[in-house]
């Protein structure tokens, strides 16, 4: 019986270790996690962002503009994954490099850039029809908010 308990505990520790060492995105704990750029608590499920480096380190942000401002000064391991919250699906993250962006004063974001991301052009265009603003791609966004990046930072 002791052997079964020891094997069970060992299995639990191995699973926890494997999950901790995962190189992929980690869930954002809204209301608990702090932004890795401005240190504010991440609460907005429609504007959050996340980076994962090639070494597996996660950086979480309360706004897309915080992620871009951090990238403008990036001196850490290369970024493997860029993620942004899909405005149309709160709490869901989408690939930042292929997302469709909208800067509209009708949609405030946590740090005041009025910047939102959408997983599809159709969703972005639907919001644009009612909110107006400037439609941007990832590269256009980087040129608008900072220097152009080569995705290796």
N, C-alpha and C. Protein backbone atom coordinates (compact mmCIF):
# COMPACT_ATOMS: atom_id res chain seq x y z
N UNK A 1 0.82 -1.19 0.00
CA UNK A 1 0.00 0.00 0.00
C UNK A 1 0.87 1.26 0.00
N UNK A 2 1.99 1.22 0.76
CA UNK A 2 2.88 2.38 0.79
C UNK A 2 3.49 2.61 -0.58
N UNK A 3 3.81 1.54 -1.30
CA UNK A 3 4.39 1.67 -2.63
C UNK A 3 3.45 2.37 -3.60
N UNK A 4 2.16 2.06 -3.48
CA UNK A 4 1.17 2.69 -4.35
C UNK A 4 1.10 4.19 -4.05
N UNK A 5 1.09 4.54 -2.78
CA UNK A 5 1.04 5.96 -2.39
C UNK A 5 2.29 6.70 -2.86
N UNK A 6 3.44 6.09 -2.72
CA UNK A 6 4.69 6.71 -3.16
C UNK A 6 4.68 6.89 -4.68
N UNK A 7 4.25 5.87 -5.40
CA UNK A 7 4.18 5.95 -6.87
C UNK A 7 3.20 7.04 -7.31
N UNK A 8 2.08 7.13 -6.60
CA UNK A 8 1.09 8.16 -6.92
C UNK A 8 1.68 9.55 -6.72
N UNK A 9 2.31 9.78 -5.58
CA UNK A 9 2.92 11.08 -5.30
C UNK A 9 4.03 11.40 -6.29
N UNK A 10 4.82 10.41 -6.63
CA UNK A 10 5.88 10.61 -7.62
C UNK A 10 5.29 11.00 -8.97
N UNK A 11 4.21 10.36 -9.36
CA UNK A 11 3.53 10.69 -10.61
C UNK A 11 3.00 12.11 -10.60
N UNK A 12 2.41 12.54 -9.48
CA UNK A 12 1.90 13.90 -9.35
C UNK A 12 3.05 14.90 -9.47
N UNK A 13 4.16 14.65 -8.81
CA UNK A 13 5.31 15.56 -8.89
C UNK A 13 5.87 15.63 -10.31
N UNK A 14 5.93 14.53 -11.01
CA UNK A 14 6.42 14.52 -12.38
C UNK A 14 5.49 15.34 -13.28
N UNK A 15 4.18 15.18 -13.12
CA UNK A 15 3.23 15.95 -13.92
C UNK A 15 3.34 17.45 -13.62
N UNK A 16 3.46 17.80 -12.36
CA UNK A 16 3.59 19.21 -11.99
C UNK A 16 4.89 19.80 -12.54
N UNK A 17 5.96 19.04 -12.48
CA UNK A 17 7.25 19.50 -13.00
C UNK A 17 7.17 19.70 -14.51
N UNK A 18 6.55 18.76 -15.20
CA UNK A 18 6.43 18.86 -16.66
C UNK A 18 5.58 20.07 -17.04
N UNK A 19 4.52 20.32 -16.29
CA UNK A 19 3.67 21.49 -16.58
C UNK A 19 4.43 22.78 -16.32
N UNK A 20 5.23 22.81 -15.28
CA UNK A 20 6.00 24.01 -14.95
C UNK A 20 7.08 24.29 -15.98
N UNK A 21 7.60 23.25 -16.61
CA UNK A 21 8.66 23.41 -17.59
C UNK A 21 8.14 23.61 -19.01
N UNK A 22 6.85 23.65 -19.19
CA UNK A 22 6.26 23.82 -20.51
C UNK A 22 6.71 25.14 -21.13
N UNK A 23 7.06 25.10 -22.41
CA UNK A 23 7.52 26.30 -23.10
C UNK A 23 6.39 27.08 -23.73
N UNK A 24 5.16 26.71 -23.51
CA UNK A 24 4.03 27.38 -24.12
C UNK A 24 3.45 28.47 -23.24
N UNK A 25 2.39 29.09 -23.73
CA UNK A 25 1.72 30.15 -22.96
C UNK A 25 1.15 29.60 -21.65
N UNK A 26 1.06 30.47 -20.68
CA UNK A 26 0.46 30.14 -19.39
C UNK A 26 -0.84 30.94 -19.25
N UNK A 27 -1.82 30.42 -18.57
CA UNK A 27 -3.06 31.18 -18.37
C UNK A 27 -2.77 32.48 -17.62
N UNK A 28 -3.46 33.53 -18.00
CA UNK A 28 -3.36 34.80 -17.27
C UNK A 28 -4.38 34.74 -16.15
N UNK A 29 -3.93 34.95 -14.93
CA UNK A 29 -4.82 34.97 -13.78
C UNK A 29 -5.31 36.40 -13.58
N UNK A 30 -6.42 36.71 -14.25
CA UNK A 30 -6.97 38.06 -14.21
C UNK A 30 -7.32 38.43 -12.77
N UNK A 31 -6.93 39.63 -12.40
CA UNK A 31 -7.15 40.11 -11.03
C UNK A 31 -6.04 39.73 -10.07
N UNK A 32 -5.06 38.90 -10.53
CA UNK A 32 -3.95 38.48 -9.68
C UNK A 32 -2.59 38.75 -10.30
N UNK A 33 -2.41 38.40 -11.58
CA UNK A 33 -1.11 38.59 -12.24
C UNK A 33 -0.85 40.08 -12.47
N UNK A 34 0.42 40.45 -12.35
CA UNK A 34 0.84 41.84 -12.60
C UNK A 34 1.46 41.94 -13.99
N UNK A 35 1.28 43.07 -14.62
CA UNK A 35 1.88 43.34 -15.92
C UNK A 35 3.39 43.39 -15.77
N UNK A 36 4.09 42.69 -16.66
CA UNK A 36 5.55 42.66 -16.61
C UNK A 36 6.19 43.96 -17.10
N UNK A 37 5.39 44.89 -17.59
CA UNK A 37 5.94 46.18 -18.02
C UNK A 37 5.59 47.29 -17.02
N UNK A 38 4.31 47.50 -16.75
CA UNK A 38 3.90 48.63 -15.90
C UNK A 38 3.58 48.24 -14.47
N UNK A 39 3.55 46.93 -14.18
CA UNK A 39 3.30 46.37 -12.85
C UNK A 39 1.84 46.50 -12.38
N UNK A 40 0.94 47.02 -13.20
CA UNK A 40 -0.48 47.07 -12.83
C UNK A 40 -1.05 45.66 -12.83
N UNK A 41 -2.08 45.43 -12.04
CA UNK A 41 -2.76 44.14 -12.03
C UNK A 41 -3.51 43.97 -13.35
N UNK A 42 -3.41 42.79 -13.94
CA UNK A 42 -4.08 42.51 -15.21
C UNK A 42 -5.53 42.14 -14.92
N UNK A 43 -6.46 42.99 -15.36
CA UNK A 43 -7.88 42.74 -15.11
C UNK A 43 -8.72 42.72 -16.38
N UNK A 44 -8.26 43.36 -17.43
CA UNK A 44 -9.05 43.51 -18.65
C UNK A 44 -8.85 42.32 -19.57
N UNK A 45 -9.89 41.49 -19.70
CA UNK A 45 -9.80 40.26 -20.50
C UNK A 45 -9.81 40.53 -22.01
N UNK A 46 -10.10 41.77 -22.42
CA UNK A 46 -10.16 42.11 -23.84
C UNK A 46 -8.90 42.79 -24.37
N UNK A 47 -7.95 43.12 -23.49
CA UNK A 47 -6.78 43.86 -23.94
C UNK A 47 -5.45 43.29 -23.45
N UNK A 48 -5.45 42.17 -22.77
CA UNK A 48 -4.22 41.59 -22.23
C UNK A 48 -3.34 41.04 -23.35
N UNK A 49 -2.09 40.73 -23.02
CA UNK A 49 -1.15 40.17 -23.99
C UNK A 49 -0.14 39.30 -23.25
N UNK A 50 0.60 38.50 -24.02
CA UNK A 50 1.59 37.61 -23.43
C UNK A 50 2.68 37.30 -24.44
N UNK A 51 3.91 37.22 -23.96
CA UNK A 51 5.05 36.78 -24.75
C UNK A 51 5.62 35.53 -24.11
N UNK A 52 6.13 34.62 -24.93
CA UNK A 52 6.84 33.44 -24.44
C UNK A 52 8.17 33.41 -25.17
N UNK A 53 9.26 33.37 -24.41
CA UNK A 53 10.58 33.35 -25.03
C UNK A 53 10.93 31.93 -25.48
N UNK A 54 11.98 31.83 -26.28
CA UNK A 54 12.44 30.51 -26.73
C UNK A 54 12.89 29.64 -25.57
N UNK A 55 13.26 30.25 -24.45
CA UNK A 55 13.65 29.49 -23.25
C UNK A 55 12.45 29.13 -22.38
N UNK A 56 11.25 29.56 -22.78
CA UNK A 56 10.03 29.20 -22.06
C UNK A 56 9.56 30.19 -21.01
N UNK A 57 10.21 31.32 -20.87
CA UNK A 57 9.80 32.34 -19.89
C UNK A 57 8.58 33.09 -20.42
N UNK A 58 7.57 33.25 -19.58
CA UNK A 58 6.35 33.97 -19.93
C UNK A 58 6.37 35.39 -19.39
N UNK A 59 5.93 36.31 -20.21
CA UNK A 59 5.76 37.71 -19.81
C UNK A 59 4.31 38.07 -20.11
N UNK A 60 3.62 38.56 -19.09
CA UNK A 60 2.19 38.88 -19.22
C UNK A 60 2.01 40.39 -19.10
N UNK A 61 1.02 40.90 -19.86
CA UNK A 61 0.81 42.35 -19.94
C UNK A 61 -0.67 42.69 -19.79
N UNK A 62 -0.93 43.85 -19.17
CA UNK A 62 -2.32 44.27 -19.00
C UNK A 62 -2.87 44.94 -20.25
N UNK A 63 -2.00 45.28 -21.20
CA UNK A 63 -2.44 45.92 -22.44
C UNK A 63 -1.44 45.60 -23.55
N UNK A 64 -1.94 45.58 -24.77
CA UNK A 64 -1.07 45.31 -25.93
C UNK A 64 0.02 46.36 -26.01
N UNK A 65 -0.32 47.61 -25.70
CA UNK A 65 0.69 48.67 -25.76
C UNK A 65 1.81 48.46 -24.75
N UNK A 66 1.53 47.83 -23.61
CA UNK A 66 2.60 47.50 -22.65
C UNK A 66 3.55 46.46 -23.25
N UNK A 67 2.99 45.46 -23.94
CA UNK A 67 3.83 44.45 -24.58
C UNK A 67 4.72 45.10 -25.63
N UNK A 68 4.16 45.98 -26.45
CA UNK A 68 4.96 46.62 -27.50
C UNK A 68 6.01 47.55 -26.89
N UNK A 69 5.65 48.29 -25.84
CA UNK A 69 6.64 49.14 -25.17
C UNK A 69 7.77 48.31 -24.58
N UNK A 70 7.45 47.14 -24.05
CA UNK A 70 8.48 46.25 -23.53
C UNK A 70 9.37 45.74 -24.67
N UNK A 71 8.77 45.37 -25.79
CA UNK A 71 9.53 44.89 -26.94
C UNK A 71 10.47 45.98 -27.48
N UNK A 72 10.08 47.24 -27.35
CA UNK A 72 10.93 48.33 -27.83
C UNK A 72 12.25 48.40 -27.08
N UNK A 73 12.31 47.83 -25.87
CA UNK A 73 13.54 47.83 -25.06
C UNK A 73 14.08 46.41 -24.85
N UNK A 74 13.59 45.45 -25.62
CA UNK A 74 13.85 44.03 -25.38
C UNK A 74 15.33 43.69 -25.45
N UNK A 75 15.85 43.10 -24.35
CA UNK A 75 17.23 42.62 -24.30
C UNK A 75 17.26 41.27 -23.60
N UNK A 76 16.24 40.47 -23.84
CA UNK A 76 16.09 39.16 -23.22
C UNK A 76 16.17 38.09 -24.30
N UNK A 77 16.03 36.82 -23.93
CA UNK A 77 16.06 35.76 -24.95
C UNK A 77 15.02 36.02 -26.05
N UNK A 78 15.27 35.51 -27.26
CA UNK A 78 14.34 35.71 -28.37
C UNK A 78 12.93 35.24 -28.03
N UNK A 79 11.95 35.94 -28.61
CA UNK A 79 10.54 35.61 -28.38
C UNK A 79 10.12 34.51 -29.34
N UNK A 80 9.47 33.50 -28.78
CA UNK A 80 8.95 32.38 -29.56
C UNK A 80 7.49 32.62 -29.94
N UNK A 81 6.70 33.16 -29.00
CA UNK A 81 5.26 33.30 -29.20
C UNK A 81 4.81 34.68 -28.76
N UNK A 82 4.02 35.33 -29.60
CA UNK A 82 3.42 36.64 -29.31
C UNK A 82 1.91 36.43 -29.28
N UNK A 83 1.27 36.79 -28.18
CA UNK A 83 -0.17 36.59 -28.06
C UNK A 83 -0.85 37.88 -27.60
N UNK A 84 -2.07 38.09 -28.09
CA UNK A 84 -2.88 39.23 -27.67
C UNK A 84 -4.30 38.74 -27.42
N UNK A 85 -5.00 39.43 -26.53
CA UNK A 85 -6.40 39.08 -26.27
C UNK A 85 -7.23 39.41 -27.50
N UNK A 86 -8.15 38.52 -27.81
CA UNK A 86 -9.10 38.75 -28.90
C UNK A 86 -10.26 39.55 -28.32
N UNK A 87 -10.37 40.80 -28.72
CA UNK A 87 -11.40 41.70 -28.18
C UNK A 87 -12.80 41.09 -28.30
N UNK A 88 -13.07 40.39 -29.39
CA UNK A 88 -14.39 39.82 -29.63
C UNK A 88 -14.66 38.57 -28.80
N UNK A 89 -13.62 37.97 -28.23
CA UNK A 89 -13.75 36.76 -27.40
C UNK A 89 -12.95 36.96 -26.11
N UNK A 90 -13.48 37.72 -25.17
CA UNK A 90 -12.74 38.05 -23.94
C UNK A 90 -12.13 36.83 -23.26
N UNK A 91 -10.86 36.98 -22.87
CA UNK A 91 -10.14 35.91 -22.19
C UNK A 91 -9.41 34.97 -23.12
N UNK A 92 -9.71 35.01 -24.42
CA UNK A 92 -9.03 34.15 -25.38
C UNK A 92 -7.87 34.90 -26.02
N UNK A 93 -6.72 34.22 -26.13
CA UNK A 93 -5.55 34.82 -26.75
C UNK A 93 -5.41 34.33 -28.18
N UNK A 94 -4.90 35.21 -29.05
CA UNK A 94 -4.69 34.87 -30.45
C UNK A 94 -3.29 35.30 -30.85
N UNK A 95 -2.79 34.78 -31.95
CA UNK A 95 -1.45 35.10 -32.43
C UNK A 95 -1.35 36.58 -32.76
N UNK A 96 -0.45 37.29 -32.09
CA UNK A 96 -0.30 38.73 -32.29
C UNK A 96 0.20 39.06 -33.68
N UNK A 97 0.99 38.18 -34.29
CA UNK A 97 1.58 38.48 -35.59
C UNK A 97 0.56 38.42 -36.73
N UNK A 98 -0.52 37.67 -36.53
CA UNK A 98 -1.55 37.58 -37.57
C UNK A 98 -2.85 38.26 -37.17
N UNK A 99 -2.91 38.82 -35.96
CA UNK A 99 -4.11 39.50 -35.49
C UNK A 99 -4.37 40.77 -36.31
N UNK A 100 -5.58 41.26 -36.21
CA UNK A 100 -6.01 42.49 -36.87
C UNK A 100 -6.27 43.51 -35.78
N UNK A 101 -5.70 44.70 -35.91
CA UNK A 101 -5.74 45.69 -34.84
C UNK A 101 -6.62 46.88 -35.21
N UNK A 102 -7.14 47.51 -34.15
CA UNK A 102 -7.96 48.69 -34.31
C UNK A 102 -7.59 49.68 -33.22
N UNK A 103 -7.30 50.91 -33.61
CA UNK A 103 -7.12 52.00 -32.66
C UNK A 103 -8.34 52.89 -32.81
N UNK A 104 -9.19 52.89 -31.78
CA UNK A 104 -10.43 53.65 -31.82
C UNK A 104 -10.68 54.30 -30.46
N UNK A 105 -10.90 55.58 -30.45
CA UNK A 105 -11.17 56.29 -29.19
C UNK A 105 -12.49 55.87 -28.57
N UNK A 106 -13.27 55.09 -29.29
CA UNK A 106 -14.53 54.56 -28.76
C UNK A 106 -14.30 53.32 -27.89
N UNK A 107 -13.08 52.77 -27.94
CA UNK A 107 -12.76 51.55 -27.19
C UNK A 107 -11.52 51.80 -26.33
N UNK A 108 -11.70 52.25 -25.10
CA UNK A 108 -10.53 52.50 -24.24
C UNK A 108 -9.78 51.21 -23.90
N UNK A 109 -8.46 51.30 -23.86
CA UNK A 109 -7.63 50.18 -23.39
C UNK A 109 -6.95 50.61 -22.09
N UNK A 110 -6.44 49.67 -21.31
CA UNK A 110 -5.94 49.98 -19.97
C UNK A 110 -4.90 51.10 -19.88
N UNK A 111 -4.05 51.23 -20.89
CA UNK A 111 -2.98 52.23 -20.81
C UNK A 111 -3.22 53.44 -21.72
N UNK A 112 -4.42 53.55 -22.27
CA UNK A 112 -4.81 54.76 -22.98
C UNK A 112 -4.43 54.84 -24.45
N UNK A 113 -4.02 53.74 -25.08
CA UNK A 113 -3.69 53.77 -26.51
C UNK A 113 -4.93 53.48 -27.37
N UNK A 114 -6.04 53.11 -26.75
CA UNK A 114 -7.29 52.79 -27.47
C UNK A 114 -7.06 51.66 -28.48
N UNK A 115 -6.22 50.72 -28.10
CA UNK A 115 -5.78 49.66 -28.99
C UNK A 115 -6.45 48.33 -28.64
N UNK A 116 -7.03 47.69 -29.66
CA UNK A 116 -7.67 46.38 -29.49
C UNK A 116 -7.21 45.46 -30.62
N UNK A 117 -7.24 44.16 -30.35
CA UNK A 117 -6.85 43.15 -31.34
C UNK A 117 -8.03 42.22 -31.60
N UNK A 118 -8.05 41.68 -32.81
CA UNK A 118 -9.11 40.77 -33.21
C UNK A 118 -8.48 39.58 -33.94
N UNK A 119 -9.05 38.40 -33.73
CA UNK A 119 -8.50 37.20 -34.37
C UNK A 119 -8.82 37.15 -35.85
N UNK A 120 -9.81 37.92 -36.29
CA UNK A 120 -10.15 37.91 -37.71
C UNK A 120 -10.43 39.33 -38.20
N UNK A 121 -10.18 39.51 -39.49
CA UNK A 121 -10.43 40.81 -40.12
C UNK A 121 -11.93 41.12 -40.13
N UNK A 122 -12.74 40.09 -40.29
CA UNK A 122 -14.20 40.28 -40.32
C UNK A 122 -14.69 40.85 -38.99
N UNK A 123 -14.20 40.29 -37.87
CA UNK A 123 -14.61 40.78 -36.55
C UNK A 123 -14.14 42.22 -36.35
N UNK A 124 -12.89 42.49 -36.73
CA UNK A 124 -12.38 43.85 -36.59
C UNK A 124 -13.19 44.83 -37.42
N UNK A 125 -13.49 44.47 -38.65
CA UNK A 125 -14.23 45.36 -39.53
C UNK A 125 -15.64 45.61 -39.02
N UNK A 126 -16.24 44.61 -38.39
CA UNK A 126 -17.57 44.79 -37.80
C UNK A 126 -17.55 45.82 -36.69
N UNK A 127 -16.54 45.76 -35.83
CA UNK A 127 -16.42 46.75 -34.75
C UNK A 127 -16.05 48.11 -35.33
N UNK A 128 -15.22 48.12 -36.35
CA UNK A 128 -14.81 49.37 -37.00
C UNK A 128 -16.01 50.12 -37.57
N UNK A 129 -17.00 49.39 -38.11
CA UNK A 129 -18.19 50.03 -38.67
C UNK A 129 -18.94 50.86 -37.63
N UNK A 130 -18.94 50.41 -36.38
CA UNK A 130 -19.67 51.14 -35.34
C UNK A 130 -18.78 52.07 -34.52
N UNK A 131 -17.48 51.75 -34.42
CA UNK A 131 -16.58 52.52 -33.56
C UNK A 131 -15.60 53.41 -34.31
N UNK A 132 -15.43 53.17 -35.61
CA UNK A 132 -14.47 53.94 -36.38
C UNK A 132 -13.05 53.64 -35.93
N UNK A 133 -12.13 54.48 -36.34
CA UNK A 133 -10.74 54.33 -35.93
C UNK A 133 -9.84 53.89 -37.06
N UNK A 134 -8.61 53.54 -36.70
CA UNK A 134 -7.58 53.16 -37.65
C UNK A 134 -7.36 51.66 -37.61
N UNK A 135 -7.44 51.00 -38.77
CA UNK A 135 -7.22 49.56 -38.88
C UNK A 135 -5.75 49.33 -39.21
N UNK A 136 -5.12 48.38 -38.48
CA UNK A 136 -3.69 48.13 -38.63
C UNK A 136 -3.37 46.64 -38.62
N UNK A 137 -2.27 46.29 -39.28
CA UNK A 137 -1.68 44.95 -39.17
C UNK A 137 -0.63 45.02 -38.05
N UNK A 138 -0.01 43.89 -37.74
CA UNK A 138 1.05 43.85 -36.72
C UNK A 138 2.19 44.80 -37.08
N UNK A 139 2.70 44.70 -38.31
CA UNK A 139 3.83 45.54 -38.70
C UNK A 139 3.45 47.02 -38.72
N UNK A 140 2.25 47.35 -39.16
CA UNK A 140 1.80 48.75 -39.13
C UNK A 140 1.69 49.24 -37.68
N UNK A 141 1.22 48.36 -36.80
CA UNK A 141 1.10 48.71 -35.38
C UNK A 141 2.47 49.00 -34.78
N UNK A 142 3.45 48.16 -35.10
CA UNK A 142 4.80 48.38 -34.57
C UNK A 142 5.37 49.70 -35.06
N UNK A 143 5.12 50.04 -36.30
CA UNK A 143 5.60 51.33 -36.83
C UNK A 143 4.88 52.50 -36.18
N UNK A 144 3.61 52.30 -35.84
CA UNK A 144 2.82 53.35 -35.20
C UNK A 144 3.23 53.56 -33.75
N UNK A 145 3.46 52.47 -33.01
CA UNK A 145 3.74 52.56 -31.57
C UNK A 145 5.22 52.47 -31.21
N UNK A 146 6.06 52.21 -32.17
CA UNK A 146 7.49 52.10 -31.83
C UNK A 146 8.28 51.65 -33.03
N UNK A 147 9.45 51.16 -32.75
CA UNK A 147 10.33 50.74 -33.84
C UNK A 147 9.87 49.43 -34.46
N UNK A 148 10.26 49.18 -35.68
CA UNK A 148 9.92 47.93 -36.37
C UNK A 148 10.81 46.81 -35.82
N UNK A 149 10.22 45.65 -35.61
CA UNK A 149 10.93 44.52 -35.04
C UNK A 149 11.14 43.43 -36.08
N UNK A 150 12.13 42.61 -35.89
CA UNK A 150 12.37 41.49 -36.79
C UNK A 150 11.87 40.18 -36.20
N UNK A 151 11.09 40.22 -35.16
CA UNK A 151 10.49 39.08 -34.49
C UNK A 151 11.49 38.22 -33.71
N UNK A 152 12.73 38.64 -33.59
CA UNK A 152 13.71 37.92 -32.77
C UNK A 152 14.10 38.73 -31.54
N UNK A 153 13.83 39.99 -31.55
CA UNK A 153 14.06 40.91 -30.45
C UNK A 153 15.39 40.65 -29.78
